[in-house]
Amino acid sequence: MSNSQYNEQNEQDELQKYLEEKAKQEQEKEQEAEPLSAYDACVLKESARIHELIAEAKKGLEDE
């Protein structure tokens, strides 16, 4: 693996960890705060899914 590929993979790993931590914090915040509306909950869920799909797509591009 070249140095640039290693750096990209490292950045993606850090991004993935960041997104997971952020999602965990949001979930904890939701439990503490007033309940979210169904719309807000859906938006947060879909936003997290979009970030997952982006991360998967980037990994797929690197594998090629």
N, C-alpha and C. Protein backbone atom coordinates (compact mmCIF):
# COMPACT_ATOMS: atom_id res chain seq x y z
N MET A 1 0.85 -1.17 0.00
CA MET A 1 0.00 0.00 0.00
C MET A 1 0.90 1.23 0.00
N SER A 2 0.61 2.17 -0.87
CA SER A 2 1.43 3.37 -0.93
C SER A 2 1.13 4.29 0.25
N ASN A 3 2.01 5.25 0.45
CA ASN A 3 1.85 6.17 1.57
C ASN A 3 0.55 6.96 1.47
N SER A 4 0.20 7.40 0.26
CA SER A 4 -1.04 8.18 0.11
C SER A 4 -2.26 7.32 0.38
N GLN A 5 -2.23 6.05 -0.05
CA GLN A 5 -3.34 5.14 0.24
C GLN A 5 -3.45 4.90 1.74
N TYR A 6 -2.30 4.75 2.39
CA TYR A 6 -2.30 4.55 3.83
C TYR A 6 -2.89 5.76 4.53
N ASN A 7 -2.50 6.97 4.09
CA ASN A 7 -3.02 8.19 4.69
C ASN A 7 -4.53 8.32 4.48
N GLU A 8 -5.00 7.98 3.29
CA GLU A 8 -6.43 8.04 3.00
C GLU A 8 -7.19 7.05 3.88
N GLN A 9 -6.66 5.84 4.01
CA GLN A 9 -7.31 4.83 4.84
C GLN A 9 -7.34 5.29 6.29
N ASN A 10 -6.24 5.87 6.75
CA ASN A 10 -6.17 6.37 8.11
C ASN A 10 -7.20 7.48 8.33
N GLU A 11 -7.32 8.38 7.36
CA GLU A 11 -8.31 9.46 7.46
C GLU A 11 -9.72 8.90 7.48
N GLN A 12 -9.98 7.89 6.67
CA GLN A 12 -11.31 7.29 6.65
C GLN A 12 -11.61 6.58 7.96
N ASP A 13 -10.63 5.91 8.51
CA ASP A 13 -10.81 5.25 9.81
C ASP A 13 -11.13 6.28 10.88
N GLU A 14 -10.40 7.39 10.86
CA GLU A 14 -10.65 8.46 11.83
C GLU A 14 -12.03 9.06 11.63
N LEU A 15 -12.43 9.25 10.37
CA LEU A 15 -13.75 9.78 10.07
C LEU A 15 -14.83 8.83 10.58
N GLN A 16 -14.64 7.54 10.34
CA GLN A 16 -15.61 6.55 10.79
C GLN A 16 -15.73 6.58 12.31
N LYS A 17 -14.60 6.63 13.01
CA LYS A 17 -14.62 6.70 14.47
C LYS A 17 -15.33 7.96 14.94
N TYR A 18 -15.05 9.07 14.27
CA TYR A 18 -15.68 10.34 14.62
C TYR A 18 -17.20 10.26 14.44
N LEU A 19 -17.63 9.70 13.31
CA LEU A 19 -19.07 9.61 13.05
C LEU A 19 -19.76 8.69 14.05
N GLU A 20 -19.10 7.59 14.40
CA GLU A 20 -19.67 6.68 15.38
C GLU A 20 -19.78 7.36 16.74
N GLU A 21 -18.76 8.09 17.14
CA GLU A 21 -18.78 8.79 18.42
C GLU A 21 -19.86 9.88 18.41
N LYS A 22 -19.97 10.60 17.29
CA LYS A 22 -20.97 11.65 17.17
C LYS A 22 -22.38 11.05 17.27
N ALA A 23 -22.60 9.92 16.61
CA ALA A 23 -23.90 9.26 16.67
C ALA A 23 -24.22 8.82 18.10
N LYS A 24 -23.20 8.30 18.78
CA LYS A 24 -23.37 7.88 20.17
C LYS A 24 -23.74 9.08 21.05
N GLN A 25 -23.05 10.20 20.85
CA GLN A 25 -23.35 11.41 21.62
C GLN A 25 -24.77 11.90 21.34
N GLU A 26 -25.17 11.86 20.07
CA GLU A 26 -26.52 12.29 19.71
C GLU A 26 -27.56 11.40 20.38
N GLN A 27 -27.29 10.11 20.40
CA GLN A 27 -28.24 9.17 21.01
C GLN A 27 -28.35 9.45 22.51
N GLU A 28 -27.23 9.70 23.16
CA GLU A 28 -27.25 10.01 24.59
C GLU A 28 -28.00 11.32 24.85
N LYS A 29 -27.76 12.29 23.96
CA LYS A 29 -28.42 13.59 24.09
C LYS A 29 -29.93 13.43 23.93
N GLU A 30 -30.34 12.58 23.00
CA GLU A 30 -31.76 12.34 22.77
C GLU A 30 -32.42 11.78 24.01
N GLN A 31 -31.73 10.88 24.68
CA GLN A 31 -32.30 10.25 25.86
C GLN A 31 -32.44 11.25 27.00
N GLU A 32 -31.52 12.21 27.09
CA GLU A 32 -31.55 13.21 28.15
C GLU A 32 -32.56 14.32 27.85
N ALA A 33 -32.62 14.73 26.62
CA ALA A 33 -33.46 15.86 26.23
C ALA A 33 -34.90 15.40 26.03
N GLU A 34 -35.71 16.37 25.70
CA GLU A 34 -37.10 16.03 25.41
C GLU A 34 -37.15 15.14 24.17
N PRO A 35 -38.15 14.32 24.06
CA PRO A 35 -38.23 13.42 22.91
C PRO A 35 -38.27 14.19 21.59
N LEU A 36 -37.59 13.63 20.61
CA LEU A 36 -37.59 14.25 19.29
C LEU A 36 -38.91 13.99 18.59
N SER A 37 -39.22 14.88 17.69
CA SER A 37 -40.38 14.62 16.86
C SER A 37 -40.03 13.47 15.93
N ALA A 38 -41.02 12.84 15.38
CA ALA A 38 -40.79 11.74 14.45
C ALA A 38 -39.96 12.22 13.26
N TYR A 39 -40.21 13.44 12.81
CA TYR A 39 -39.46 13.99 11.68
C TYR A 39 -37.99 14.14 12.03
N ASP A 40 -37.69 14.74 13.19
CA ASP A 40 -36.30 14.93 13.60
C ASP A 40 -35.58 13.60 13.76
N ALA A 41 -36.24 12.63 14.34
CA ALA A 41 -35.63 11.31 14.51
C ALA A 41 -35.31 10.69 13.15
N CYS A 42 -36.22 10.84 12.22
CA CYS A 42 -36.02 10.29 10.87
C CYS A 42 -34.85 10.99 10.18
N VAL A 43 -34.77 12.30 10.31
CA VAL A 43 -33.68 13.06 9.69
C VAL A 43 -32.34 12.61 10.25
N LEU A 44 -32.24 12.47 11.56
CA LEU A 44 -30.98 12.03 12.18
C LEU A 44 -30.60 10.62 11.73
N LYS A 45 -31.58 9.75 11.67
CA LYS A 45 -31.32 8.37 11.25
C LYS A 45 -30.83 8.33 9.80
N GLU A 46 -31.50 9.06 8.94
CA GLU A 46 -31.11 9.07 7.53
C GLU A 46 -29.76 9.74 7.32
N SER A 47 -29.48 10.76 8.08
CA SER A 47 -28.19 11.43 7.99
C SER A 47 -27.06 10.47 8.36
N ALA A 48 -27.25 9.72 9.42
CA ALA A 48 -26.25 8.73 9.83
C ALA A 48 -26.08 7.68 8.73
N ARG A 49 -27.18 7.25 8.13
CA ARG A 49 -27.12 6.24 7.06
C ARG A 49 -26.37 6.79 5.85
N ILE A 50 -26.59 8.03 5.51
CA ILE A 50 -25.89 8.66 4.38
C ILE A 50 -24.38 8.67 4.64
N HIS A 51 -23.99 9.01 5.87
CA HIS A 51 -22.56 9.02 6.20
C HIS A 51 -21.98 7.61 6.10
N GLU A 52 -22.74 6.61 6.50
CA GLU A 52 -22.28 5.22 6.37
C GLU A 52 -22.09 4.85 4.90
N LEU A 53 -23.05 5.22 4.07
CA LEU A 53 -22.96 4.91 2.64
C LEU A 53 -21.77 5.61 1.99
N ILE A 54 -21.51 6.84 2.38
CA ILE A 54 -20.36 7.56 1.84
C ILE A 54 -19.07 6.85 2.23
N ALA A 55 -18.97 6.44 3.49
CA ALA A 55 -17.77 5.74 3.95
C ALA A 55 -17.59 4.41 3.20
N GLU A 56 -18.69 3.67 2.99
CA GLU A 56 -18.61 2.42 2.24
C GLU A 56 -18.18 2.67 0.80
N ALA A 57 -18.71 3.72 0.18
CA ALA A 57 -18.35 4.03 -1.20
C ALA A 57 -16.87 4.38 -1.31
N LYS A 58 -16.36 5.14 -0.36
CA LYS A 58 -14.95 5.50 -0.38
C LYS A 58 -14.08 4.26 -0.23
N LYS A 59 -14.49 3.34 0.64
CA LYS A 59 -13.73 2.10 0.81
C LYS A 59 -13.77 1.29 -0.47
N GLY A 60 -14.91 1.27 -1.14
CA GLY A 60 -15.04 0.53 -2.40
C GLY A 60 -14.13 1.10 -3.48
N LEU A 61 -13.99 2.40 -3.51
CA LEU A 61 -13.12 3.04 -4.50
C LEU A 61 -11.66 2.70 -4.22
N GLU A 62 -11.29 2.62 -2.97
CA GLU A 62 -9.91 2.29 -2.63
C GLU A 62 -9.58 0.85 -2.97
N ASP A 63 -10.54 -0.03 -2.86
CA ASP A 63 -10.32 -1.44 -3.13
C ASP A 63 -10.05 -1.72 -4.59
N GLU A 64 -10.48 -0.80 -5.44
CA GLU A 64 -10.29 -1.02 -6.89
C GLU A 64 -8.87 -0.81 -7.31
